């Protein structure tokens, strides 16, 4: 589609593949370290063939909420503490937060009704639960939090960072092959044919 951009530290790329888009990202490291997350969010069957679109969001456009309990929260999608993220997320209405906790930090946020949540800890360790007796999740681990009204977390004795995502389940069949995600095997076959014919 001719889009191009340079994503600096803290920026976001949000792409909706829809009926097909060819894309390429070329990560660059600083001092041998880069944290980057690529997450796939499924579209409902009725929107699978929507027009592709692309959002390139600079770090300065991502709002930051400073909590009074030692938590700093970047709001990428959805709403936290009355602050809405810049991403136009689509049908699954995801909540997507990047949370930094001080050594004694605490964090809590409501989760939209019916949403299912998970968290990925990428620095330090985090205890998930309403108090310090919850489950400790270390760097590189994923916590499947499931459905609930709220998520509560605290650092496990040192500063920590994690991403929190929650989304509305589609409750539809999923068939995937390579980069293609559809609802039936026949739809996957057609997606491959479309790609090979240059229709993306």
N, C-alpha and C. Protein backbone atom coordinates (compact mmCIF):
# COMPACT_ATOMS: atom_id res chain seq x y z
N UNK A 1 0.82 -1.21 0.00
CA UNK A 1 0.00 0.00 0.00
C UNK A 1 0.85 1.26 0.00
N UNK A 2 2.18 1.08 0.08
CA UNK A 2 3.07 2.23 0.00
C UNK A 2 3.35 2.91 1.32
N UNK A 3 2.91 2.34 2.43
CA UNK A 3 3.20 2.94 3.73
C UNK A 3 4.65 2.71 4.12
N UNK A 4 5.24 3.67 4.80
CA UNK A 4 6.56 3.46 5.38
C UNK A 4 6.67 4.37 6.59
N UNK A 5 7.54 4.00 7.51
CA UNK A 5 7.70 4.82 8.70
C UNK A 5 8.87 4.34 9.52
N UNK A 6 9.34 5.20 10.40
CA UNK A 6 10.41 4.86 11.32
C UNK A 6 9.82 4.87 12.73
N UNK A 7 9.82 3.72 13.36
CA UNK A 7 9.25 3.59 14.69
C UNK A 7 10.38 3.73 15.71
N UNK A 8 10.36 4.80 16.48
CA UNK A 8 11.36 5.00 17.51
C UNK A 8 10.96 4.33 18.81
N UNK A 9 11.81 4.44 19.84
CA UNK A 9 11.49 3.83 21.13
C UNK A 9 10.14 4.29 21.67
N UNK A 10 9.31 3.33 22.07
CA UNK A 10 8.01 3.64 22.66
C UNK A 10 6.90 3.86 21.66
N UNK A 11 7.18 3.78 20.37
CA UNK A 11 6.13 3.99 19.37
C UNK A 11 5.41 2.68 19.07
N UNK A 12 4.32 2.79 18.32
CA UNK A 12 3.43 1.65 18.09
C UNK A 12 3.07 1.58 16.61
N UNK A 13 3.08 0.39 16.08
CA UNK A 13 2.55 0.13 14.75
C UNK A 13 1.33 -0.76 14.92
N UNK A 14 0.20 -0.33 14.40
CA UNK A 14 -1.02 -1.13 14.51
C UNK A 14 -1.54 -1.35 13.10
N UNK A 15 -1.50 -2.58 12.65
CA UNK A 15 -1.88 -2.89 11.29
C UNK A 15 -3.04 -3.87 11.29
N UNK A 16 -4.03 -3.61 10.45
CA UNK A 16 -5.13 -4.54 10.25
C UNK A 16 -4.93 -5.18 8.88
N UNK A 17 -4.66 -6.48 8.87
CA UNK A 17 -4.35 -7.16 7.61
C UNK A 17 -5.59 -7.27 6.72
N UNK A 18 -6.76 -7.52 7.32
CA UNK A 18 -7.98 -7.62 6.53
C UNK A 18 -7.85 -8.62 5.41
N UNK A 19 -8.21 -8.18 4.18
CA UNK A 19 -8.18 -9.11 3.05
C UNK A 19 -6.78 -9.32 2.48
N UNK A 20 -5.77 -8.75 3.14
CA UNK A 20 -4.40 -9.06 2.76
C UNK A 20 -3.52 -7.85 2.60
N UNK A 21 -2.34 -7.90 3.21
CA UNK A 21 -1.36 -6.83 3.08
C UNK A 21 0.02 -7.46 3.21
N UNK A 22 0.95 -7.00 2.41
CA UNK A 22 2.33 -7.47 2.48
C UNK A 22 3.11 -6.43 3.28
N UNK A 23 3.87 -6.90 4.29
CA UNK A 23 4.57 -5.95 5.15
C UNK A 23 5.92 -6.49 5.55
N UNK A 24 6.79 -5.60 6.00
CA UNK A 24 8.12 -5.99 6.45
C UNK A 24 8.57 -4.99 7.50
N UNK A 25 9.14 -5.50 8.58
CA UNK A 25 9.71 -4.65 9.63
C UNK A 25 11.18 -5.01 9.78
N UNK A 26 12.01 -4.01 9.97
CA UNK A 26 13.45 -4.23 10.11
C UNK A 26 13.91 -3.67 11.45
N UNK A 27 13.92 -4.49 12.52
CA UNK A 27 14.30 -3.99 13.85
C UNK A 27 15.77 -3.58 13.90
N UNK A 28 16.05 -2.52 14.64
CA UNK A 28 17.42 -2.08 14.89
C UNK A 28 17.64 -2.05 16.41
N UNK A 29 18.80 -2.52 16.84
CA UNK A 29 19.11 -2.58 18.26
C UNK A 29 20.01 -1.43 18.66
N UNK A 30 19.92 -1.08 19.93
CA UNK A 30 20.86 -0.15 20.53
C UNK A 30 21.59 -0.89 21.63
N UNK A 31 22.92 -0.92 21.56
CA UNK A 31 23.75 -1.59 22.56
C UNK A 31 23.35 -3.06 22.74
N UNK A 32 22.91 -3.69 21.65
CA UNK A 32 22.60 -5.11 21.69
C UNK A 32 21.31 -5.47 22.39
N UNK A 33 20.43 -4.51 22.66
CA UNK A 33 19.19 -4.81 23.38
C UNK A 33 18.02 -4.11 22.71
N UNK A 34 16.94 -4.88 22.51
CA UNK A 34 15.71 -4.29 21.99
C UNK A 34 14.53 -5.06 22.56
N UNK A 35 13.58 -4.34 23.13
CA UNK A 35 12.33 -4.96 23.54
C UNK A 35 11.28 -4.56 22.52
N UNK A 36 10.69 -5.54 21.89
CA UNK A 36 9.62 -5.27 20.94
C UNK A 36 8.63 -6.40 21.00
N UNK A 37 7.37 -6.09 20.81
CA UNK A 37 6.33 -7.11 20.93
C UNK A 37 5.46 -7.07 19.69
N UNK A 38 5.27 -8.24 19.08
CA UNK A 38 4.36 -8.36 17.96
C UNK A 38 3.21 -9.24 18.42
N UNK A 39 2.03 -8.68 18.43
CA UNK A 39 0.84 -9.38 18.91
C UNK A 39 -0.19 -9.46 17.79
N UNK A 40 -0.82 -10.61 17.67
CA UNK A 40 -1.85 -10.80 16.65
C UNK A 40 -3.20 -10.84 17.33
N UNK A 41 -4.12 -10.03 16.84
CA UNK A 41 -5.49 -10.02 17.36
C UNK A 41 -6.41 -10.43 16.21
N UNK A 42 -7.17 -11.47 16.43
CA UNK A 42 -8.03 -12.01 15.39
C UNK A 42 -9.20 -11.07 15.08
N UNK A 43 -9.65 -11.11 13.84
CA UNK A 43 -10.85 -10.38 13.43
C UNK A 43 -12.04 -11.33 13.40
N UNK A 44 -13.25 -10.84 13.69
CA UNK A 44 -14.42 -11.71 13.55
C UNK A 44 -14.61 -12.08 12.08
N UNK A 45 -15.27 -13.21 11.83
CA UNK A 45 -15.45 -13.72 10.47
C UNK A 45 -16.02 -12.66 9.54
N UNK A 46 -16.99 -11.89 10.01
CA UNK A 46 -17.64 -10.91 9.13
C UNK A 46 -16.72 -9.75 8.75
N UNK A 47 -15.57 -9.61 9.43
CA UNK A 47 -14.64 -8.53 9.11
C UNK A 47 -13.32 -9.04 8.51
N UNK A 48 -13.22 -10.34 8.26
CA UNK A 48 -11.96 -10.90 7.76
C UNK A 48 -11.52 -10.25 6.45
N UNK A 49 -12.45 -9.89 5.60
CA UNK A 49 -12.11 -9.35 4.29
C UNK A 49 -12.23 -7.82 4.23
N UNK A 50 -12.11 -7.19 5.37
CA UNK A 50 -12.14 -5.72 5.41
C UNK A 50 -10.91 -5.15 4.72
N UNK A 51 -10.96 -3.88 4.36
CA UNK A 51 -9.81 -3.24 3.71
C UNK A 51 -8.65 -3.15 4.71
N UNK A 52 -7.42 -3.45 4.26
CA UNK A 52 -6.27 -3.33 5.15
C UNK A 52 -6.06 -1.87 5.56
N UNK A 53 -5.51 -1.69 6.76
CA UNK A 53 -5.19 -0.32 7.20
C UNK A 53 -3.99 -0.35 8.13
N UNK A 54 -3.42 0.81 8.33
CA UNK A 54 -2.15 0.92 9.04
C UNK A 54 -2.17 2.18 9.89
N UNK A 55 -1.75 2.05 11.15
CA UNK A 55 -1.61 3.20 12.05
C UNK A 55 -0.18 3.21 12.57
N UNK A 56 0.49 4.33 12.41
CA UNK A 56 1.86 4.52 12.89
C UNK A 56 1.77 5.58 13.99
N UNK A 57 1.99 5.19 15.24
CA UNK A 57 1.74 6.07 16.38
C UNK A 57 3.05 6.38 17.09
N UNK A 58 3.42 7.65 17.11
CA UNK A 58 4.67 8.07 17.75
C UNK A 58 4.55 7.94 19.27
N UNK A 59 5.69 7.76 19.93
CA UNK A 59 5.70 7.61 21.39
C UNK A 59 5.03 8.78 22.08
N UNK A 60 5.20 9.99 21.56
CA UNK A 60 4.61 11.18 22.18
C UNK A 60 3.08 11.16 22.16
N UNK A 61 2.50 10.35 21.28
CA UNK A 61 1.04 10.27 21.19
C UNK A 61 0.45 9.21 22.11
N UNK A 62 1.31 8.46 22.80
CA UNK A 62 0.83 7.42 23.74
C UNK A 62 0.73 8.05 25.13
N UNK A 63 -0.48 8.16 25.66
CA UNK A 63 -0.62 8.79 26.99
C UNK A 63 -0.03 7.94 28.10
N UNK A 64 0.49 8.61 29.12
CA UNK A 64 1.10 7.95 30.28
C UNK A 64 0.33 8.36 31.53
N UNK A 65 -0.08 7.39 32.32
CA UNK A 65 -0.79 7.63 33.57
C UNK A 65 0.16 7.31 34.72
N UNK A 66 0.45 8.30 35.54
CA UNK A 66 1.29 8.11 36.72
C UNK A 66 0.39 7.79 37.90
N UNK A 67 0.47 6.56 38.39
CA UNK A 67 -0.36 6.18 39.53
C UNK A 67 0.27 6.63 40.83
N UNK A 68 -0.54 6.70 41.87
CA UNK A 68 -0.02 7.11 43.17
C UNK A 68 0.48 5.93 44.00
N UNK A 69 0.53 4.74 43.39
CA UNK A 69 1.00 3.55 44.11
C UNK A 69 2.26 2.98 43.47
N UNK A 70 3.03 3.82 42.78
CA UNK A 70 4.28 3.37 42.20
C UNK A 70 4.14 2.68 40.86
N UNK A 71 3.05 2.95 40.13
CA UNK A 71 2.85 2.37 38.81
C UNK A 71 2.79 3.47 37.76
N UNK A 72 3.49 3.27 36.66
CA UNK A 72 3.42 4.15 35.51
C UNK A 72 2.87 3.32 34.36
N UNK A 73 1.79 3.80 33.73
CA UNK A 73 1.06 3.01 32.76
C UNK A 73 0.97 3.75 31.43
N UNK A 74 1.49 3.14 30.36
CA UNK A 74 1.29 3.64 29.01
C UNK A 74 0.01 3.00 28.48
N UNK A 75 -0.91 3.82 28.02
CA UNK A 75 -2.20 3.34 27.54
C UNK A 75 -2.16 3.29 26.01
N UNK A 76 -2.05 2.09 25.47
CA UNK A 76 -1.96 1.93 24.02
C UNK A 76 -3.33 1.78 23.38
N UNK A 77 -4.17 0.94 23.96
CA UNK A 77 -5.52 0.72 23.46
C UNK A 77 -6.45 0.53 24.65
N UNK A 78 -7.70 0.91 24.47
CA UNK A 78 -8.65 0.84 25.57
C UNK A 78 -8.48 2.02 26.50
N UNK A 79 -9.03 1.88 27.71
CA UNK A 79 -9.05 2.99 28.67
C UNK A 79 -8.53 2.52 30.03
N UNK A 80 -7.70 3.37 30.63
CA UNK A 80 -7.21 3.14 32.00
C UNK A 80 -7.24 4.46 32.73
N UNK A 81 -7.84 4.47 33.93
CA UNK A 81 -7.93 5.67 34.78
C UNK A 81 -8.52 6.85 34.01
N UNK A 82 -9.50 6.55 33.16
CA UNK A 82 -10.16 7.61 32.40
C UNK A 82 -9.38 8.11 31.20
N UNK A 83 -8.23 7.51 30.92
CA UNK A 83 -7.39 7.93 29.79
C UNK A 83 -7.50 6.88 28.68
N UNK A 84 -7.80 7.34 27.47
CA UNK A 84 -7.97 6.43 26.33
C UNK A 84 -6.70 6.40 25.49
N UNK A 85 -6.33 5.20 25.04
CA UNK A 85 -5.16 5.03 24.19
C UNK A 85 -5.42 5.49 22.76
N UNK A 86 -4.36 5.73 21.98
CA UNK A 86 -4.51 6.27 20.63
C UNK A 86 -4.87 5.24 19.57
N UNK A 87 -4.73 3.96 19.87
CA UNK A 87 -5.01 2.93 18.87
C UNK A 87 -6.51 2.76 18.70
N UNK A 88 -6.95 2.73 17.44
CA UNK A 88 -8.35 2.40 17.13
C UNK A 88 -8.40 0.89 16.98
N UNK A 89 -8.81 0.17 18.01
CA UNK A 89 -8.53 -1.26 18.09
C UNK A 89 -9.43 -2.19 17.31
N UNK A 90 -10.66 -1.82 17.00
CA UNK A 90 -11.53 -2.71 16.25
C UNK A 90 -12.43 -3.57 17.12
N UNK A 91 -12.94 -4.66 16.50
CA UNK A 91 -14.07 -5.42 17.04
C UNK A 91 -13.84 -6.08 18.38
N UNK A 92 -12.62 -6.52 18.68
CA UNK A 92 -12.40 -7.22 19.94
C UNK A 92 -12.20 -6.26 21.11
N UNK A 93 -12.19 -4.97 20.83
CA UNK A 93 -12.13 -3.92 21.86
C UNK A 93 -11.02 -4.19 22.88
N UNK A 94 -9.78 -4.41 22.43
CA UNK A 94 -8.74 -4.77 23.39
C UNK A 94 -8.34 -3.65 24.32
N UNK A 95 -7.94 -4.06 25.50
CA UNK A 95 -7.26 -3.20 26.46
C UNK A 95 -5.79 -3.59 26.36
N UNK A 96 -4.91 -2.62 26.11
CA UNK A 96 -3.49 -2.90 25.94
C UNK A 96 -2.71 -1.86 26.72
N UNK A 97 -2.05 -2.31 27.80
CA UNK A 97 -1.32 -1.41 28.69
C UNK A 97 0.12 -1.90 28.84
N UNK A 98 1.04 -0.94 28.95
CA UNK A 98 2.44 -1.22 29.24
C UNK A 98 2.69 -0.64 30.64
N UNK A 99 2.94 -1.52 31.61
CA UNK A 99 2.97 -1.11 33.01
C UNK A 99 4.39 -1.22 33.57
N UNK A 100 4.86 -0.14 34.19
CA UNK A 100 6.14 -0.14 34.90
C UNK A 100 5.86 0.04 36.39
N UNK A 101 6.40 -0.86 37.21
CA UNK A 101 6.19 -0.81 38.65
C UNK A 101 7.49 -0.44 39.36
N UNK A 102 7.40 0.45 40.32
CA UNK A 102 8.54 0.72 41.20
C UNK A 102 8.75 -0.49 42.10
N UNK A 103 9.83 -0.48 42.88
CA UNK A 103 10.16 -1.63 43.72
C UNK A 103 9.03 -2.02 44.66
N UNK A 104 8.25 -1.07 45.11
CA UNK A 104 7.12 -1.38 45.99
C UNK A 104 5.80 -1.00 45.32
N UNK A 105 5.79 -0.99 44.01
CA UNK A 105 4.62 -0.51 43.27
C UNK A 105 3.46 -1.48 43.26
N UNK A 106 2.26 -0.90 43.16
CA UNK A 106 1.02 -1.66 43.03
C UNK A 106 0.24 -1.11 41.85
N UNK A 107 -0.52 -1.98 41.20
CA UNK A 107 -1.28 -1.61 40.01
C UNK A 107 -2.61 -2.33 40.05
N UNK A 108 -3.65 -1.62 39.65
CA UNK A 108 -4.96 -2.25 39.52
C UNK A 108 -5.73 -1.54 38.41
N UNK A 109 -6.48 -2.31 37.64
CA UNK A 109 -7.31 -1.73 36.60
C UNK A 109 -8.53 -2.61 36.38
N UNK A 110 -9.67 -1.99 36.10
CA UNK A 110 -10.83 -2.81 35.73
C UNK A 110 -10.64 -3.40 34.33
N UNK A 111 -11.28 -4.53 34.10
CA UNK A 111 -11.27 -5.18 32.80
C UNK A 111 -12.71 -5.14 32.28
N UNK A 112 -12.91 -4.74 31.02
CA UNK A 112 -14.29 -4.70 30.50
C UNK A 112 -15.00 -6.04 30.67
N UNK A 113 -16.26 -5.99 30.96
CA UNK A 113 -17.05 -7.20 31.21
C UNK A 113 -16.97 -8.14 30.02
N UNK A 114 -16.70 -9.41 30.30
CA UNK A 114 -16.63 -10.43 29.27
C UNK A 114 -15.28 -10.56 28.61
N UNK A 115 -14.34 -9.66 28.89
CA UNK A 115 -13.01 -9.74 28.32
C UNK A 115 -12.17 -10.80 29.05
N UNK A 116 -11.21 -11.36 28.35
CA UNK A 116 -10.26 -12.31 28.90
C UNK A 116 -8.88 -11.67 28.84
N UNK A 117 -8.10 -11.79 29.91
CA UNK A 117 -6.83 -11.06 30.03
C UNK A 117 -5.63 -11.98 30.15
N UNK A 118 -4.48 -11.46 29.71
CA UNK A 118 -3.20 -12.09 30.00
C UNK A 118 -2.16 -11.00 30.20
N UNK A 119 -1.06 -11.36 30.85
CA UNK A 119 0.04 -10.42 31.07
C UNK A 119 1.35 -11.11 30.74
N UNK A 120 2.29 -10.33 30.19
CA UNK A 120 3.62 -10.85 29.89
C UNK A 120 4.64 -9.98 30.62
N UNK A 121 5.42 -10.59 31.49
CA UNK A 121 6.42 -9.86 32.27
C UNK A 121 7.72 -9.84 31.46
N UNK A 122 8.22 -8.63 31.18
CA UNK A 122 9.46 -8.56 30.40
C UNK A 122 10.62 -7.94 31.16
N UNK A 123 10.41 -7.58 32.41
CA UNK A 123 11.52 -7.13 33.25
C UNK A 123 11.14 -7.34 34.71
N UNK A 124 12.04 -7.93 35.49
CA UNK A 124 11.76 -8.18 36.90
C UNK A 124 10.78 -9.31 37.10
N UNK A 125 10.00 -9.22 38.16
CA UNK A 125 8.98 -10.22 38.47
C UNK A 125 7.78 -9.50 39.05
N UNK A 126 6.60 -10.05 38.81
CA UNK A 126 5.35 -9.42 39.21
C UNK A 126 4.48 -10.45 39.92
N UNK A 127 3.83 -10.02 41.00
CA UNK A 127 2.88 -10.87 41.71
C UNK A 127 1.48 -10.43 41.28
N UNK A 128 0.73 -11.36 40.66
CA UNK A 128 -0.62 -11.05 40.21
C UNK A 128 -1.62 -11.56 41.24
N UNK A 129 -2.48 -10.67 41.68
CA UNK A 129 -3.47 -10.96 42.69
C UNK A 129 -3.73 -9.71 43.51
N UNK A 130 -4.77 -9.70 44.32
CA UNK A 130 -5.13 -8.50 45.07
C UNK A 130 -4.16 -8.16 46.20
N UNK A 131 -3.27 -9.09 46.56
CA UNK A 131 -2.31 -8.81 47.62
C UNK A 131 -1.01 -9.54 47.31
N UNK A 132 -0.07 -9.52 48.23
CA UNK A 132 1.23 -10.13 48.00
C UNK A 132 1.21 -11.66 48.01
N UNK A 133 0.04 -12.26 48.25
CA UNK A 133 -0.06 -13.72 48.27
C UNK A 133 -0.45 -14.29 46.92
N UNK A 134 -0.44 -13.46 45.89
CA UNK A 134 -0.82 -13.93 44.56
C UNK A 134 0.28 -14.76 43.92
N UNK A 135 0.16 -14.99 42.64
CA UNK A 135 1.13 -15.83 41.91
C UNK A 135 2.25 -14.96 41.34
N UNK A 136 3.48 -15.37 41.60
CA UNK A 136 4.65 -14.63 41.12
C UNK A 136 4.99 -15.09 39.70
N UNK A 137 5.11 -14.12 38.80
CA UNK A 137 5.45 -14.39 37.40
C UNK A 137 6.76 -13.68 37.10
N UNK A 138 7.75 -14.43 36.62
CA UNK A 138 9.09 -13.89 36.37
C UNK A 138 9.24 -13.40 34.94
N UNK A 139 10.33 -12.69 34.70
CA UNK A 139 10.64 -12.19 33.37
C UNK A 139 10.60 -13.34 32.35
N UNK A 140 9.94 -13.07 31.22
CA UNK A 140 9.85 -14.07 30.16
C UNK A 140 8.69 -15.02 30.31
N UNK A 141 7.88 -14.83 31.36
CA UNK A 141 6.73 -15.71 31.58
C UNK A 141 5.42 -14.98 31.26
N UNK A 142 4.45 -15.77 30.84
CA UNK A 142 3.12 -15.27 30.49
C UNK A 142 2.12 -15.73 31.54
N UNK A 143 1.31 -14.82 32.04
CA UNK A 143 0.27 -15.16 33.00
C UNK A 143 -1.09 -15.09 32.31
N UNK A 144 -1.76 -16.22 32.20
CA UNK A 144 -3.11 -16.24 31.65
C UNK A 144 -4.06 -15.94 32.80
N UNK A 145 -4.64 -14.76 32.78
CA UNK A 145 -5.45 -14.29 33.90
C UNK A 145 -6.92 -14.65 33.74
N UNK A 146 -7.35 -14.92 32.53
CA UNK A 146 -8.73 -15.33 32.29
C UNK A 146 -9.70 -14.18 32.39
N UNK A 147 -10.96 -14.55 32.61
CA UNK A 147 -12.03 -13.56 32.66
C UNK A 147 -12.20 -13.05 34.09
N UNK A 148 -12.40 -11.77 34.22
CA UNK A 148 -12.59 -11.20 35.54
C UNK A 148 -12.92 -9.73 35.45
N UNK A 149 -13.26 -9.14 36.57
CA UNK A 149 -13.67 -7.74 36.60
C UNK A 149 -12.50 -6.79 36.74
N UNK A 150 -11.34 -7.29 37.21
CA UNK A 150 -10.20 -6.41 37.45
C UNK A 150 -8.92 -7.22 37.44
N UNK A 151 -7.80 -6.53 37.22
CA UNK A 151 -6.48 -7.12 37.34
C UNK A 151 -5.71 -6.33 38.39
N UNK A 152 -5.10 -7.02 39.33
CA UNK A 152 -4.28 -6.38 40.36
C UNK A 152 -2.90 -7.02 40.32
N UNK A 153 -1.87 -6.19 40.53
CA UNK A 153 -0.50 -6.70 40.48
C UNK A 153 0.40 -5.84 41.34
N UNK A 154 1.50 -6.43 41.76
CA UNK A 154 2.51 -5.70 42.51
C UNK A 154 3.89 -6.22 42.15
N UNK A 155 4.90 -5.37 42.30
CA UNK A 155 6.26 -5.81 42.03
C UNK A 155 6.70 -6.80 43.10
N UNK A 156 7.62 -7.67 42.72
CA UNK A 156 8.09 -8.71 43.65
C UNK A 156 9.42 -8.30 44.25
N UNK A 157 9.44 -7.14 44.91
CA UNK A 157 10.62 -6.70 45.63
C UNK A 157 11.58 -5.83 44.85
N UNK A 158 11.39 -5.71 43.54
CA UNK A 158 12.24 -4.85 42.72
C UNK A 158 11.40 -4.29 41.59
N UNK A 159 11.92 -3.28 40.91
CA UNK A 159 11.17 -2.68 39.80
C UNK A 159 10.88 -3.75 38.75
N UNK A 160 9.75 -3.61 38.06
CA UNK A 160 9.32 -4.61 37.09
C UNK A 160 8.50 -3.95 36.00
N UNK A 161 8.41 -4.63 34.85
CA UNK A 161 7.59 -4.14 33.74
C UNK A 161 6.85 -5.31 33.11
N UNK A 162 5.63 -5.03 32.68
CA UNK A 162 4.85 -6.05 31.99
C UNK A 162 3.85 -5.40 31.05
N UNK A 163 3.40 -6.16 30.07
CA UNK A 163 2.30 -5.71 29.24
C UNK A 163 1.06 -6.49 29.65
N UNK A 164 -0.06 -5.79 29.63
CA UNK A 164 -1.35 -6.39 29.98
C UNK A 164 -2.27 -6.23 28.78
N UNK A 165 -2.88 -7.33 28.38
CA UNK A 165 -3.86 -7.31 27.30
C UNK A 165 -5.13 -8.01 27.73
N UNK A 166 -6.25 -7.46 27.31
CA UNK A 166 -7.54 -8.10 27.51
C UNK A 166 -8.37 -7.85 26.27
N UNK A 167 -9.14 -8.84 25.87
CA UNK A 167 -9.97 -8.69 24.68
C UNK A 167 -11.24 -9.49 24.80
N UNK A 168 -12.20 -9.12 23.96
CA UNK A 168 -13.48 -9.79 23.93
C UNK A 168 -13.37 -11.06 23.10
N UNK A 169 -13.64 -12.23 23.67
CA UNK A 169 -13.54 -13.48 22.89
C UNK A 169 -14.51 -13.48 21.72
N UNK A 170 -14.06 -14.01 20.58
CA UNK A 170 -14.92 -14.08 19.39
C UNK A 170 -15.78 -15.33 19.38
N UNK A 171 -15.30 -16.39 20.03
CA UNK A 171 -16.02 -17.66 20.08
C UNK A 171 -16.38 -18.17 18.67
N UNK A 172 -15.36 -18.12 17.80
CA UNK A 172 -15.48 -18.61 16.43
C UNK A 172 -14.33 -19.58 16.17
N UNK A 173 -14.49 -20.50 15.22
CA UNK A 173 -13.37 -21.40 14.91
C UNK A 173 -12.20 -20.62 14.32
N UNK A 174 -10.98 -21.10 14.57
CA UNK A 174 -9.77 -20.47 14.05
C UNK A 174 -8.98 -21.52 13.30
N UNK A 175 -8.59 -21.19 12.07
CA UNK A 175 -7.70 -22.03 11.28
C UNK A 175 -6.56 -21.13 10.83
N UNK A 176 -5.32 -21.57 11.07
CA UNK A 176 -4.17 -20.75 10.68
C UNK A 176 -3.18 -21.57 9.89
N UNK A 177 -2.47 -20.86 9.01
CA UNK A 177 -1.41 -21.49 8.23
C UNK A 177 -0.42 -20.39 7.88
N UNK A 178 0.82 -20.52 8.37
CA UNK A 178 1.78 -19.43 8.15
C UNK A 178 1.22 -18.14 8.70
N UNK A 179 1.19 -17.08 7.87
CA UNK A 179 0.67 -15.80 8.36
C UNK A 179 -0.84 -15.64 8.19
N UNK A 180 -1.51 -16.67 7.67
CA UNK A 180 -2.93 -16.54 7.37
C UNK A 180 -3.78 -17.06 8.53
N UNK A 181 -4.79 -16.31 8.91
CA UNK A 181 -5.70 -16.69 9.99
C UNK A 181 -7.12 -16.51 9.48
N UNK A 182 -7.84 -17.61 9.38
CA UNK A 182 -9.21 -17.56 8.87
C UNK A 182 -10.09 -18.43 9.78
N UNK A 183 -11.29 -18.77 9.29
CA UNK A 183 -12.21 -19.57 10.08
C UNK A 183 -12.38 -21.00 9.57
N UNK A 184 -12.01 -21.25 8.32
CA UNK A 184 -12.13 -22.59 7.76
C UNK A 184 -10.90 -22.92 6.92
N UNK A 185 -10.70 -24.20 6.68
CA UNK A 185 -9.58 -24.64 5.83
C UNK A 185 -9.74 -24.12 4.41
N UNK A 186 -10.95 -24.13 3.89
CA UNK A 186 -11.19 -23.61 2.53
C UNK A 186 -10.82 -22.13 2.44
N UNK A 187 -11.10 -21.35 3.49
CA UNK A 187 -10.73 -19.93 3.48
C UNK A 187 -9.22 -19.76 3.49
N UNK A 188 -8.52 -20.64 4.19
CA UNK A 188 -7.05 -20.60 4.19
C UNK A 188 -6.53 -20.89 2.78
N UNK A 189 -7.08 -21.91 2.13
CA UNK A 189 -6.66 -22.24 0.76
C UNK A 189 -6.87 -21.05 -0.16
N UNK A 190 -8.02 -20.38 -0.01
CA UNK A 190 -8.31 -19.22 -0.87
C UNK A 190 -7.34 -18.08 -0.58
N UNK A 191 -6.99 -17.88 0.69
CA UNK A 191 -6.03 -16.82 1.03
C UNK A 191 -4.68 -17.09 0.38
N UNK A 192 -4.24 -18.34 0.36
CA UNK A 192 -2.97 -18.69 -0.28
C UNK A 192 -3.04 -18.44 -1.78
N UNK A 193 -4.15 -18.81 -2.40
CA UNK A 193 -4.34 -18.57 -3.84
C UNK A 193 -4.33 -17.07 -4.12
N UNK A 194 -5.02 -16.30 -3.28
CA UNK A 194 -5.05 -14.84 -3.48
C UNK A 194 -3.65 -14.24 -3.37
N UNK A 195 -2.87 -14.71 -2.38
CA UNK A 195 -1.52 -14.22 -2.22
C UNK A 195 -0.66 -14.56 -3.43
N UNK A 196 -0.73 -15.82 -3.87
CA UNK A 196 0.08 -16.25 -5.01
C UNK A 196 -0.32 -15.53 -6.30
N UNK A 197 -1.57 -15.10 -6.39
CA UNK A 197 -2.05 -14.40 -7.59
C UNK A 197 -1.78 -12.89 -7.51
N UNK A 198 -1.16 -12.43 -6.41
CA UNK A 198 -0.85 -11.01 -6.29
C UNK A 198 -2.05 -10.14 -5.95
N UNK A 199 -3.08 -10.74 -5.34
CA UNK A 199 -4.28 -9.96 -5.02
C UNK A 199 -4.21 -9.29 -3.66
N UNK A 200 -3.09 -9.46 -2.91
CA UNK A 200 -2.93 -8.74 -1.63
C UNK A 200 -2.47 -7.33 -1.94
